[in-house]
Amino acid sequence: MQHERDMEAIQNKMRSRKEIKVEAAKAANPAHHERVYDNPLVQCAKCLGFGHTKAVCGEKTATCSYCADKTHEWEKCPRRKQNEEPKCKNCWENGIKTEANHEAFSNKCKVRQKWDEIARSRIAYC
């Protein structure tokens, strides 16, 4: 009997893979709430590239997600602190320089949107 329940649990787990969940999230500022979508897209917090995480990134230095500079990270970005326009590393490197006025993790990013589309198309829902 226990074996049958275990096998059923394993089959259900294999079938469901990773579904998209919508949950409310509290930001650092309690007055600011937003919806968070469980997304299959993986973006590195170190080099800002796609398909891998910071833990396995091959880059030696981190890139600022606000201005694409390799001399500092987001927390210490002088451009961000002076409210200057951001510069997306991924759009800039992919020749979309006229539309690079957003941060690298922004949903406005055309490169991120393309990678998101690819990531979502590879999820098998049963």
N, C-alpha and C. Protein backbone atom coordinates (compact mmCIF):
# COMPACT_ATOMS: atom_id res chain seq x y z
N MET A 1 0.81 -1.19 0.00
CA MET A 1 0.00 0.00 0.00
C MET A 1 0.87 1.27 0.00
N GLN A 2 1.86 1.33 0.88
CA GLN A 2 2.77 2.48 0.96
C GLN A 2 3.52 2.64 -0.36
N HIS A 3 3.94 1.52 -0.94
CA HIS A 3 4.69 1.55 -2.20
C HIS A 3 3.85 2.19 -3.30
N GLU A 4 2.56 1.85 -3.34
CA GLU A 4 1.67 2.41 -4.37
C GLU A 4 1.54 3.93 -4.21
N ARG A 5 1.41 4.42 -2.96
CA ARG A 5 1.32 5.86 -2.71
C ARG A 5 2.62 6.57 -3.10
N ASP A 6 3.75 5.92 -2.80
CA ASP A 6 5.04 6.51 -3.17
C ASP A 6 5.17 6.62 -4.68
N MET A 7 4.78 5.56 -5.39
CA MET A 7 4.86 5.57 -6.85
C MET A 7 3.93 6.63 -7.44
N GLU A 8 2.74 6.77 -6.86
CA GLU A 8 1.80 7.78 -7.33
C GLU A 8 2.36 9.19 -7.10
N ALA A 9 2.98 9.42 -5.95
CA ALA A 9 3.59 10.72 -5.66
C ALA A 9 4.72 11.02 -6.63
N ILE A 10 5.54 10.03 -6.93
CA ILE A 10 6.65 10.22 -7.88
C ILE A 10 6.11 10.54 -9.26
N GLN A 11 5.08 9.81 -9.70
CA GLN A 11 4.50 10.05 -11.03
C GLN A 11 3.90 11.46 -11.10
N ASN A 12 3.19 11.87 -10.05
CA ASN A 12 2.62 13.22 -10.06
C ASN A 12 3.70 14.28 -10.09
N LYS A 13 4.77 14.07 -9.35
CA LYS A 13 5.87 15.02 -9.31
C LYS A 13 6.51 15.14 -10.70
N MET A 14 6.70 14.00 -11.36
CA MET A 14 7.33 14.00 -12.68
C MET A 14 6.41 14.67 -13.69
N ARG A 15 5.11 14.47 -13.56
CA ARG A 15 4.16 15.01 -14.51
C ARG A 15 4.05 16.53 -14.39
N SER A 16 4.10 17.06 -13.17
CA SER A 16 3.84 18.48 -12.97
C SER A 16 5.01 19.38 -13.35
N ARG A 17 6.24 18.87 -13.28
CA ARG A 17 7.45 19.65 -13.56
C ARG A 17 7.42 20.97 -12.80
N LYS A 18 7.46 22.08 -13.49
CA LYS A 18 7.48 23.37 -12.80
C LYS A 18 6.36 24.24 -13.36
N GLU A 19 5.31 24.37 -12.59
CA GLU A 19 4.19 25.16 -13.05
C GLU A 19 4.42 26.64 -12.72
N ILE A 20 3.69 27.50 -13.39
CA ILE A 20 3.80 28.92 -13.13
C ILE A 20 2.85 29.26 -11.99
N LYS A 21 3.39 29.84 -10.93
CA LYS A 21 2.59 30.22 -9.77
C LYS A 21 2.57 31.74 -9.66
N VAL A 22 1.47 32.27 -9.21
CA VAL A 22 1.37 33.70 -8.97
C VAL A 22 1.15 33.89 -7.48
N GLU A 23 2.04 34.65 -6.87
CA GLU A 23 1.94 34.89 -5.44
C GLU A 23 2.17 36.37 -5.15
N ALA A 24 1.53 36.86 -4.12
CA ALA A 24 1.79 38.24 -3.69
C ALA A 24 3.11 38.26 -2.95
N ALA A 25 3.87 39.31 -3.14
CA ALA A 25 5.17 39.42 -2.48
C ALA A 25 5.27 40.80 -1.84
N LYS A 26 5.90 40.85 -0.69
CA LYS A 26 6.14 42.13 -0.03
C LYS A 26 7.55 42.57 -0.36
N ALA A 27 7.67 43.77 -0.83
CA ALA A 27 8.99 44.33 -1.15
C ALA A 27 9.60 44.88 0.14
N ALA A 28 10.81 45.40 0.04
CA ALA A 28 11.48 45.98 1.20
C ALA A 28 10.63 47.12 1.78
N ASN A 29 9.96 47.83 0.92
CA ASN A 29 9.05 48.89 1.35
C ASN A 29 7.65 48.28 1.47
N PRO A 30 7.08 48.15 2.67
CA PRO A 30 5.78 47.51 2.83
C PRO A 30 4.65 48.19 2.05
N ALA A 31 4.83 49.44 1.69
CA ALA A 31 3.80 50.14 0.92
C ALA A 31 3.80 49.70 -0.54
N HIS A 32 4.83 49.01 -0.96
CA HIS A 32 4.97 48.60 -2.35
C HIS A 32 4.76 47.09 -2.46
N HIS A 33 3.67 46.69 -3.07
CA HIS A 33 3.39 45.27 -3.28
C HIS A 33 3.34 45.00 -4.78
N GLU A 34 3.77 43.83 -5.17
CA GLU A 34 3.70 43.49 -6.58
C GLU A 34 3.46 41.99 -6.74
N ARG A 35 3.08 41.60 -7.93
CA ARG A 35 2.87 40.19 -8.22
C ARG A 35 4.19 39.59 -8.68
N VAL A 36 4.47 38.39 -8.20
CA VAL A 36 5.70 37.70 -8.59
C VAL A 36 5.31 36.44 -9.34
N TYR A 37 5.84 36.27 -10.51
CA TYR A 37 5.55 35.10 -11.31
C TYR A 37 6.72 34.14 -11.21
N ASP A 38 6.43 32.89 -10.90
CA ASP A 38 7.46 31.87 -10.83
C ASP A 38 7.87 31.60 -12.27
N ASN A 39 9.04 32.01 -12.64
CA ASN A 39 9.47 32.04 -14.02
C ASN A 39 10.59 31.04 -14.28
N PRO A 40 10.52 30.30 -15.37
CA PRO A 40 11.58 29.34 -15.68
C PRO A 40 12.86 30.00 -16.20
N LEU A 41 12.83 31.29 -16.50
CA LEU A 41 14.01 31.98 -17.01
C LEU A 41 15.06 32.12 -15.92
N VAL A 42 16.29 31.76 -16.24
CA VAL A 42 17.40 31.88 -15.30
C VAL A 42 18.34 32.96 -15.81
N GLN A 43 18.57 33.99 -14.98
CA GLN A 43 19.47 35.08 -15.35
C GLN A 43 20.52 35.23 -14.26
N CYS A 44 21.77 35.28 -14.67
CA CYS A 44 22.90 35.36 -13.75
C CYS A 44 22.96 36.74 -13.09
N ALA A 45 23.12 36.75 -11.78
CA ALA A 45 23.23 38.01 -11.05
C ALA A 45 24.65 38.58 -11.10
N LYS A 46 25.58 37.82 -11.66
CA LYS A 46 26.98 38.28 -11.73
C LYS A 46 27.29 38.91 -13.10
N CYS A 47 27.08 38.15 -14.17
CA CYS A 47 27.41 38.67 -15.51
C CYS A 47 26.18 39.19 -16.25
N LEU A 48 24.98 38.94 -15.69
CA LEU A 48 23.69 39.37 -16.24
C LEU A 48 23.27 38.60 -17.48
N GLY A 49 24.01 37.54 -17.81
CA GLY A 49 23.66 36.68 -18.93
C GLY A 49 22.52 35.74 -18.56
N PHE A 50 22.15 34.88 -19.51
CA PHE A 50 21.01 33.99 -19.31
C PHE A 50 21.44 32.53 -19.37
N GLY A 51 20.65 31.67 -18.73
CA GLY A 51 20.87 30.23 -18.81
C GLY A 51 21.76 29.66 -17.72
N HIS A 52 22.23 30.47 -16.82
CA HIS A 52 23.05 29.99 -15.70
C HIS A 52 22.89 30.94 -14.51
N THR A 53 23.36 30.49 -13.36
CA THR A 53 23.26 31.31 -12.15
C THR A 53 24.63 31.85 -11.75
N LYS A 54 24.62 32.73 -10.79
CA LYS A 54 25.85 33.33 -10.25
C LYS A 54 26.81 32.27 -9.73
N ALA A 55 26.27 31.20 -9.16
CA ALA A 55 27.08 30.13 -8.56
C ALA A 55 27.97 29.43 -9.58
N VAL A 56 27.54 29.35 -10.83
CA VAL A 56 28.32 28.65 -11.86
C VAL A 56 28.84 29.59 -12.95
N CYS A 57 28.76 30.89 -12.72
CA CYS A 57 29.19 31.88 -13.70
C CYS A 57 30.71 31.82 -13.89
N GLY A 58 31.15 31.94 -15.12
CA GLY A 58 32.57 31.90 -15.44
C GLY A 58 33.27 33.25 -15.39
N GLU A 59 32.50 34.33 -15.22
CA GLU A 59 33.09 35.67 -15.16
C GLU A 59 33.82 35.88 -13.84
N LYS A 60 34.92 36.61 -13.89
CA LYS A 60 35.69 36.90 -12.68
C LYS A 60 35.10 38.06 -11.88
N THR A 61 34.57 39.06 -12.59
CA THR A 61 34.01 40.23 -11.91
C THR A 61 32.52 40.37 -12.23
N ALA A 62 31.80 40.96 -11.30
CA ALA A 62 30.37 41.19 -11.49
C ALA A 62 30.15 42.45 -12.33
N THR A 63 29.01 42.50 -12.99
CA THR A 63 28.62 43.65 -13.80
C THR A 63 27.44 44.34 -13.12
N CYS A 64 27.45 45.64 -13.09
CA CYS A 64 26.36 46.41 -12.50
C CYS A 64 25.11 46.25 -13.37
N SER A 65 24.01 45.85 -12.77
CA SER A 65 22.77 45.65 -13.53
C SER A 65 22.09 46.97 -13.87
N TYR A 66 22.57 48.08 -13.31
CA TYR A 66 21.98 49.39 -13.60
C TYR A 66 22.67 50.07 -14.79
N CYS A 67 24.02 50.07 -14.79
CA CYS A 67 24.72 50.84 -15.82
C CYS A 67 25.66 49.99 -16.69
N ALA A 68 25.73 48.69 -16.44
CA ALA A 68 26.56 47.75 -17.22
C ALA A 68 28.06 47.92 -17.01
N ASP A 69 28.46 48.62 -15.96
CA ASP A 69 29.88 48.83 -15.66
C ASP A 69 30.41 47.65 -14.86
N LYS A 70 31.65 47.24 -15.15
CA LYS A 70 32.26 46.11 -14.44
C LYS A 70 33.11 46.52 -13.25
N THR A 71 33.13 47.81 -12.93
CA THR A 71 33.96 48.27 -11.81
C THR A 71 33.22 48.32 -10.49
N HIS A 72 31.90 48.12 -10.52
CA HIS A 72 31.10 48.14 -9.30
C HIS A 72 29.83 47.32 -9.50
N GLU A 73 29.12 47.06 -8.41
CA GLU A 73 27.84 46.37 -8.49
C GLU A 73 26.70 47.36 -8.25
N TRP A 74 25.47 46.90 -8.40
CA TRP A 74 24.28 47.74 -8.32
C TRP A 74 24.24 48.59 -7.06
N GLU A 75 24.57 47.99 -5.92
CA GLU A 75 24.49 48.70 -4.64
C GLU A 75 25.34 49.97 -4.61
N LYS A 76 26.47 49.96 -5.32
CA LYS A 76 27.41 51.09 -5.28
C LYS A 76 27.40 51.91 -6.57
N CYS A 77 26.40 51.74 -7.39
CA CYS A 77 26.36 52.41 -8.70
C CYS A 77 26.18 53.93 -8.55
N PRO A 78 27.17 54.71 -9.01
CA PRO A 78 27.05 56.17 -8.92
C PRO A 78 25.96 56.73 -9.85
N ARG A 79 25.76 56.10 -11.00
CA ARG A 79 24.72 56.57 -11.93
C ARG A 79 23.33 56.39 -11.32
N ARG A 80 23.12 55.28 -10.65
CA ARG A 80 21.83 55.02 -10.00
C ARG A 80 21.59 56.03 -8.88
N LYS A 81 22.63 56.29 -8.10
CA LYS A 81 22.50 57.22 -6.97
C LYS A 81 22.23 58.66 -7.43
N GLN A 82 22.67 58.99 -8.64
CA GLN A 82 22.45 60.33 -9.19
C GLN A 82 21.21 60.39 -10.09
N ASN A 83 20.43 59.30 -10.06
CA ASN A 83 19.20 59.19 -10.86
C ASN A 83 19.43 59.37 -12.36
N GLU A 84 20.60 58.94 -12.84
CA GLU A 84 20.86 58.98 -14.28
C GLU A 84 20.14 57.81 -14.94
N GLU A 85 20.00 57.89 -16.25
CA GLU A 85 19.30 56.85 -17.00
C GLU A 85 20.08 55.54 -16.95
N PRO A 86 19.40 54.41 -16.74
CA PRO A 86 20.11 53.12 -16.72
C PRO A 86 20.54 52.69 -18.12
N LYS A 87 21.41 51.69 -18.17
CA LYS A 87 21.91 51.16 -19.45
C LYS A 87 21.93 49.63 -19.33
N CYS A 88 21.12 48.97 -20.14
CA CYS A 88 21.03 47.51 -20.10
C CYS A 88 22.20 46.87 -20.85
N LYS A 89 22.96 46.06 -20.14
CA LYS A 89 24.12 45.38 -20.72
C LYS A 89 23.71 44.48 -21.88
N ASN A 90 22.62 43.73 -21.71
CA ASN A 90 22.22 42.77 -22.74
C ASN A 90 21.73 43.45 -24.01
N CYS A 91 20.93 44.49 -23.89
CA CYS A 91 20.47 45.22 -25.08
C CYS A 91 21.65 45.90 -25.77
N TRP A 92 22.54 46.50 -24.98
CA TRP A 92 23.70 47.20 -25.51
C TRP A 92 24.57 46.24 -26.32
N GLU A 93 24.86 45.07 -25.76
CA GLU A 93 25.72 44.09 -26.43
C GLU A 93 25.06 43.44 -27.64
N ASN A 94 23.72 43.46 -27.69
CA ASN A 94 23.00 42.85 -28.81
C ASN A 94 22.57 43.87 -29.85
N GLY A 95 23.13 45.08 -29.78
CA GLY A 95 22.89 46.09 -30.80
C GLY A 95 21.56 46.83 -30.69
N ILE A 96 20.88 46.72 -29.55
CA ILE A 96 19.61 47.42 -29.36
C ILE A 96 19.89 48.64 -28.48
N LYS A 97 20.85 49.43 -28.87
CA LYS A 97 21.33 50.54 -28.05
C LYS A 97 20.31 51.65 -27.86
N THR A 98 19.42 51.85 -28.83
CA THR A 98 18.42 52.91 -28.70
C THR A 98 17.33 52.56 -27.68
N GLU A 99 17.20 51.26 -27.35
CA GLU A 99 16.18 50.83 -26.38
C GLU A 99 16.82 50.23 -25.13
N ALA A 100 18.03 50.65 -24.80
CA ALA A 100 18.76 50.09 -23.66
C ALA A 100 18.61 50.91 -22.38
N ASN A 101 17.60 51.76 -22.31
CA ASN A 101 17.43 52.65 -21.15
C ASN A 101 16.59 51.99 -20.04
N HIS A 102 17.01 50.82 -19.62
CA HIS A 102 16.39 50.10 -18.51
C HIS A 102 17.45 49.23 -17.86
N GLU A 103 17.15 48.69 -16.68
CA GLU A 103 18.10 47.82 -15.99
C GLU A 103 18.08 46.43 -16.62
N ALA A 104 19.13 45.66 -16.38
CA ALA A 104 19.29 44.34 -16.99
C ALA A 104 18.21 43.34 -16.58
N PHE A 105 17.62 43.49 -15.40
CA PHE A 105 16.59 42.57 -14.94
C PHE A 105 15.18 43.06 -15.25
N SER A 106 15.06 44.14 -16.00
CA SER A 106 13.76 44.73 -16.31
C SER A 106 12.97 43.87 -17.29
N ASN A 107 11.65 43.85 -17.11
CA ASN A 107 10.78 43.15 -18.06
C ASN A 107 10.65 43.92 -19.37
N LYS A 108 11.15 45.17 -19.43
CA LYS A 108 11.15 45.95 -20.66
C LYS A 108 12.24 45.49 -21.62
N CYS A 109 13.21 44.74 -21.12
CA CYS A 109 14.37 44.32 -21.90
C CYS A 109 13.97 43.37 -23.02
N LYS A 110 14.25 43.75 -24.27
CA LYS A 110 13.91 42.93 -25.44
C LYS A 110 14.67 41.61 -25.44
N VAL A 111 15.92 41.63 -25.00
CA VAL A 111 16.74 40.41 -24.95
C VAL A 111 16.17 39.47 -23.89
N ARG A 112 15.83 40.01 -22.74
CA ARG A 112 15.24 39.20 -21.67
C ARG A 112 13.89 38.61 -22.12
N GLN A 113 13.09 39.39 -22.83
CA GLN A 113 11.80 38.91 -23.33
C GLN A 113 12.00 37.72 -24.27
N LYS A 114 13.02 37.81 -25.12
CA LYS A 114 13.29 36.72 -26.06
C LYS A 114 13.73 35.46 -25.31
N TRP A 115 14.64 35.61 -24.34
CA TRP A 115 15.08 34.47 -23.54
C TRP A 115 13.92 33.90 -22.72
N ASP A 116 13.04 34.75 -22.23
CA ASP A 116 11.88 34.29 -21.47
C ASP A 116 10.96 33.45 -22.35
N GLU A 117 10.76 33.90 -23.58
CA GLU A 117 9.94 33.16 -24.53
C GLU A 117 10.53 31.78 -24.79
N ILE A 118 11.85 31.72 -24.96
CA ILE A 118 12.53 30.44 -25.18
C ILE A 118 12.38 29.54 -23.96
N ALA A 119 12.60 30.09 -22.77
CA ALA A 119 12.51 29.29 -21.54
C ALA A 119 11.11 28.74 -21.34
N ARG A 120 10.09 29.56 -21.58
CA ARG A 120 8.71 29.10 -21.39
C ARG A 120 8.31 28.07 -22.43
N SER A 121 8.86 28.16 -23.63
CA SER A 121 8.49 27.21 -24.69
C SER A 121 9.06 25.82 -24.43
N ARG A 122 10.03 25.72 -23.53
CA ARG A 122 10.65 24.42 -23.24
C ARG A 122 10.05 23.73 -22.02
N ILE A 123 8.99 24.28 -21.46
CA ILE A 123 8.35 23.65 -20.31
C ILE A 123 7.22 22.78 -20.83
N ALA A 124 7.22 21.53 -20.42
CA ALA A 124 6.17 20.60 -20.83
C ALA A 124 5.10 20.54 -19.75
N TYR A 125 3.90 20.99 -20.10
CA TYR A 125 2.78 20.90 -19.17
C TYR A 125 1.92 19.72 -19.58
N CYS A 126 1.58 18.88 -18.65
CA CYS A 126 0.77 17.69 -18.95
C CYS A 126 -0.60 17.81 -18.35
